[in-house]
Amino acid sequence: MYAMYFPPFPPGFLGSGKMALPTPPISPLTIINPNSPSPPSTAASPRTTVVLPGLGNNSGDYRGLCWTLRDGYGIPTVVAKVSRLDWFRNAAGLLDSNYWRGTLRPRPVLDWYLERVAEAVSEARKLCPQGGSLALIGHSAGGWLARLYMEEFGWSDISLLITLGTPHLPPPKGLAGVIDQTRGLLDYVEKHCAPAVYTSELKYICIAGRYIRGARFISNPNSDIIDHIDNNKGASELVITERIVGSAPVAPTMRTRFIGQGYKQAKITYIWLLLSLVCGKADVWGDGVVPEISAHLDGALNISFDGVFHSPVGSDDILRPWYGSPSVVQKWINHLLN
């Protein structure tokens, strides 16, 4: 089988004091599209959920998220089975002349991933109550791969797509120093996959993180650079800090400069193993890998969270929570519950 189903914690496991899931407060979310309707707050039968791993991640990275969904909220959850070595399969794209022209198509290069998703969806259907629907949660590249899956395999039994830190938009063309390291894959998704919607039949919810703001390598003295969001600050204080006119800007650090270059253009560590998508700008907010403006889609319900890190790898539920940390999940879980 190509799907991994995470069972509940064994009795008393959380009581051991070793693996308890903390729920510290985080800054309130910002809804970018306030006119979109909100799902009902009352929980009936939750959607059975399939988690799609991001580039370079493996299935085990989402164990905590799956346990939070199942044990905390009673949501049956399956994660597509992916190992880190699986991502080296993408190297097959190098043999395609379209790779070098920047017009690479997702298939057949990504067929292996789509097959893993199909297996996970099949497993999730067995857990789904009669008449129920499925939800897809795509982390990072798993979000646009979910869109590709729905386009290629259909979405008749899928009613919700939640993307977490997904680089949805292809990099802008014609900018010096900006190269599309997906070699055309996101162009294909943008042109050939159905646009995002927020309807009673199908909802797209795109969640972005505002963990750190990037900086130019050659900084503009008139720009306001803020290193990162302190979770101990209130949202109003953060807004004031960013918008004070004539105040002395915080000096960019080497860290923010490197983060900014990641936001500006895709950076690669061996054949898409690690990928951070681009928006063509360095001095923008993002989750440390994907810029906020690249993680939203026209037509979707777009949400941004302050202080949220991109990946489960390198995250900390208290000091550096990611999208799947318990304290962050509680902010978007209402969209997953019917």
Foldseek 3Di string as FASTA:
>chain_A
DQKDWADEDPPCPCVVVPDPFDADAFAAKDWPDVVFDADDQDFDPFAAEEEEEAFLDAPVLCNLLNNCCCVVPNHGYMYGGDDNVNNCLLVVCVVPVLLVVLADECPPSVVVSLVSRVVRVVVSVVVAPVPAAYEYEYAACRQLVVLVSCLVVNRQRYAEYEYFQYQQAFEDPDAPPADRNVSNHSVCSVVRGDAAAPDRRHAYEFEFEFFAFAAAPPGDQQAAHDGGDFRVDYPVVVVCSRPPPPDGHDDDDPLRNVLLVLQQYWDDDPNRSDTAHYHNTRGAGGQSRYGQVSRDGPNHRYMYTGQAHRGSVPADLPGRHHCSRSNNCVSVVSRRGD
